[in-house]
Protein backbone atom coordinates (compact mmCIF):
# COMPACT_ATOMS: atom_id res chain seq x y z
CA UNK A 1 37.13 15.82 15.58
CA UNK A 2 40.51 15.76 17.23
CA UNK A 3 43.73 15.48 15.27
CA UNK A 4 44.68 12.37 17.25
CA UNK A 5 41.45 10.60 16.22
CA UNK A 6 41.97 11.54 12.55
CA UNK A 7 45.52 10.19 12.67
CA UNK A 8 44.26 6.99 14.28
CA UNK A 9 41.69 6.50 11.51
CA UNK A 10 44.26 7.19 8.80
CA UNK A 11 46.66 4.58 10.23
CA UNK A 12 44.09 1.90 10.98
CA UNK A 13 42.90 1.58 7.37
CA UNK A 14 39.37 0.95 6.19
CA UNK A 15 36.94 -0.44 8.70
CA UNK A 16 35.41 -3.67 7.39
CA UNK A 17 31.65 -3.67 7.09
CA UNK A 18 29.78 -6.22 9.17
CA UNK A 19 28.15 -9.15 7.42
CA UNK A 20 24.75 -8.36 5.96
CA UNK A 21 22.10 -9.47 8.46
CA UNK A 22 19.08 -11.40 7.22
CA UNK A 23 16.20 -9.31 5.89
CA UNK A 24 13.31 -8.83 8.30
CA UNK A 25 10.39 -11.16 7.70
CA UNK A 26 6.79 -10.12 7.27
CA UNK A 27 3.85 -10.99 9.50
CA UNK A 28 0.38 -11.20 7.96
CA UNK A 29 -1.90 -8.58 9.56
CA UNK A 30 -5.15 -8.68 7.58
CA UNK A 31 -6.69 -8.54 4.13
CA UNK A 32 -9.35 -6.25 2.73
CA UNK A 33 -11.73 -6.69 -0.18
CA UNK A 34 -12.60 -3.13 -1.14
CA UNK A 35 -15.54 -2.51 -3.48
CA UNK A 36 -15.03 0.22 -6.09
CA UNK A 37 -17.41 2.72 -7.67
CA UNK A 38 -17.31 4.09 -11.18
CA UNK A 39 -14.01 5.89 -11.85
CA UNK A 40 -14.16 9.64 -12.30
CA UNK A 41 -11.82 10.76 -15.07
CA UNK A 42 -10.38 14.22 -14.35
CA UNK A 43 -8.19 14.09 -17.45
CA UNK A 44 -4.65 14.96 -18.34
CA UNK A 45 -2.72 16.95 -15.72
CA UNK A 46 1.03 17.73 -15.70
CA UNK A 47 1.91 14.46 -13.88
CA UNK A 48 -0.29 12.18 -16.04
CA UNK A 49 -3.96 11.19 -16.25
CA UNK A 50 -5.82 11.89 -12.98
CA UNK A 51 -8.54 9.43 -11.97
CA UNK A 52 -10.56 9.22 -8.79
CA UNK A 53 -12.00 5.81 -7.96
CA UNK A 54 -14.59 5.88 -5.16
CA UNK A 55 -14.44 3.26 -2.43
CA UNK A 56 -18.03 2.22 -1.75
CA UNK A 57 -17.69 -0.61 0.76
CA UNK A 58 -16.12 -3.95 1.43
CA UNK A 59 -14.88 -6.20 4.20
CA UNK A 60 -11.63 -6.99 5.98
CA UNK A 61 -10.40 -9.74 8.28
CA UNK A 62 -7.26 -11.08 9.85
CA UNK A 63 -6.06 -12.56 13.14
CA UNK A 64 -8.17 -10.82 15.79
CA UNK A 65 -9.41 -8.15 13.35
CA UNK A 66 -12.62 -8.12 11.32
CA UNK A 67 -15.04 -5.57 9.96
CA UNK A 68 -16.15 -3.55 6.98
CA UNK A 69 -14.79 -0.89 4.66
CA UNK A 70 -17.14 2.07 4.79
CA UNK A 71 -18.46 4.09 1.86
CA UNK A 72 -15.92 6.78 2.79
CA UNK A 73 -12.91 7.27 0.59
CA UNK A 74 -11.32 6.94 -2.80
CA UNK A 75 -8.14 6.23 -4.71
CA UNK A 76 -6.73 9.42 -6.23
CA UNK A 77 -4.62 7.95 -9.02
CA UNK A 78 -2.16 9.39 -11.46
CA UNK A 79 -1.65 7.15 -14.48
CA UNK A 80 1.64 8.00 -16.17
CA UNK A 81 2.26 7.85 -19.91
CA UNK A 82 4.07 4.51 -19.47
CA UNK A 83 0.98 3.00 -17.80
CA UNK A 84 2.30 3.00 -14.23
CA UNK A 85 -0.42 4.01 -11.75
CA UNK A 86 0.63 6.05 -8.72
CA UNK A 87 -1.91 5.22 -6.03
CA UNK A 88 -3.01 7.54 -3.22
CA UNK A 89 -5.82 5.74 -1.48
CA UNK A 90 -7.62 6.96 1.63
CA UNK A 91 -10.53 5.21 3.25
CA UNK A 92 -12.16 4.19 6.50
CA UNK A 93 -12.49 0.76 8.10
CA UNK A 94 -14.82 -0.10 10.96
CA UNK A 95 -14.24 -3.21 13.07
CA UNK A 96 -17.11 -5.43 14.15
CA UNK A 97 -16.62 -3.84 17.61
CA UNK A 98 -17.26 -0.36 16.15
CA UNK A 99 -13.64 0.88 16.18
CA UNK A 100 -12.65 3.16 13.30
CA UNK A 101 -9.38 2.82 11.39
CA UNK A 102 -8.32 5.48 8.89
CA UNK A 103 -6.16 4.04 6.11
CA UNK A 104 -3.84 6.01 3.87
CA UNK A 105 -2.30 3.72 1.31
CA UNK A 106 0.31 4.93 -1.19
CA UNK A 107 1.32 2.51 -3.87
CA UNK A 108 2.36 1.54 -7.36
CA UNK A 109 0.67 -0.65 -9.92
CA UNK A 110 2.06 -1.59 -13.33
CA UNK A 111 2.03 -4.41 -15.84
CA UNK A 112 2.76 -5.16 -19.48
CA UNK A 113 0.73 -2.99 -21.89
CA UNK A 114 -1.53 -5.88 -22.98
CA UNK A 115 -2.34 -6.71 -19.35
CA UNK A 116 -3.09 -3.04 -18.57
CA UNK A 117 -5.39 -2.91 -21.63
CA UNK A 118 -7.35 -5.89 -20.29
CA UNK A 119 -7.63 -4.26 -16.85
CA UNK A 120 -8.85 -1.03 -18.46
CA UNK A 121 -11.46 -3.02 -20.42
CA UNK A 122 -12.79 -4.54 -17.19
CA UNK A 123 -11.38 -8.00 -17.81
CA UNK A 124 -10.07 -10.27 -15.08
CA UNK A 125 -6.31 -10.84 -15.37
CA UNK A 126 -3.94 -13.14 -13.55
CA UNK A 127 -2.83 -11.12 -10.47
CA UNK A 128 0.72 -12.47 -10.80
CA UNK A 129 1.06 -10.45 -14.03
CA UNK A 130 0.53 -7.15 -12.22
CA UNK A 131 3.01 -5.50 -9.86
CA UNK A 132 0.74 -3.97 -7.19
CA UNK A 133 2.42 -2.91 -3.94
CA UNK A 134 1.49 -0.39 -1.28
CA UNK A 135 2.84 1.26 1.85
CA UNK A 136 -0.11 1.86 4.19
CA UNK A 137 -0.34 3.88 7.36
CA UNK A 138 -3.14 3.56 9.88
CA UNK A 139 -4.73 5.89 12.41
CA UNK A 140 -7.09 4.81 15.16
CA UNK A 141 -8.03 5.92 18.64
CA UNK A 142 -8.76 2.35 19.77
CA UNK A 143 -6.19 1.39 22.46
CA UNK A 144 -6.15 -2.30 21.48
CA UNK A 145 -5.41 -1.40 17.83
CA UNK A 146 -2.43 0.86 18.47
CA UNK A 147 -0.16 -1.85 17.04
CA UNK A 148 -1.44 -0.65 13.65
CA UNK A 149 -0.07 2.84 14.31
CA UNK A 150 3.30 1.68 15.67
CA UNK A 151 4.63 -0.52 12.90
CA UNK A 152 5.63 -0.35 9.27
CA UNK A 153 3.38 -2.23 6.85
CA UNK A 154 3.55 -3.24 3.22
CA UNK A 155 0.64 -4.31 1.08
CA UNK A 156 0.18 -6.55 -1.92
CA UNK A 157 -2.78 -5.96 -4.17
CA UNK A 158 -4.94 -7.65 -6.76
CA UNK A 159 -7.16 -5.60 -9.08
CA UNK A 160 -10.49 -6.99 -10.29
CA UNK A 161 -13.18 -5.21 -12.34
CA UNK A 162 -15.26 -4.01 -9.35
CA UNK A 163 -13.00 -4.54 -6.34
CA UNK A 164 -9.43 -4.85 -5.12
CA UNK A 165 -7.96 -7.24 -2.60
CA UNK A 166 -5.18 -5.82 -0.46
CA UNK A 167 -3.18 -7.99 1.92
CA UNK A 168 -1.38 -6.08 4.65
CA UNK A 169 1.88 -7.37 6.14
CA UNK A 170 3.60 -5.96 9.23
CA UNK A 171 7.37 -5.61 9.31
CA UNK A 172 8.36 -6.93 12.77
């Protein structure tokens, strides 16, 4: 940096920040109803309680996108002492046209202790009482589905006793 530029900055004072632009909106991409198998309890590990929840099927649909969740994948969860679940979900979708989509979905789920106790007991709870958000990434070789690989997505989830519903939103 030249001395002249430094002197210019020192004399001109602080540069005002521009006004905060509006937040980007979200565009609905699709939703998935993913069927779950019996959880496998690994037990206590240094980060918390490790659970693996098999993904055994399901369906998905959205504008121009429809198919099934295959019996290929699981959610490798860490449940922390405070009840927060760190989600690391990986599974495979297949469109009705036979195109494969690999999904890797990291997320967080937490709620009040009484709500978490009901979820653990297999009870249905009001989804608005549970914070369940994800950040998915997608891989596919299908040319017409490359929009999935070239955008940022966020997901909202709802946990039920034998399935989850995830809604995926694209950040434009």
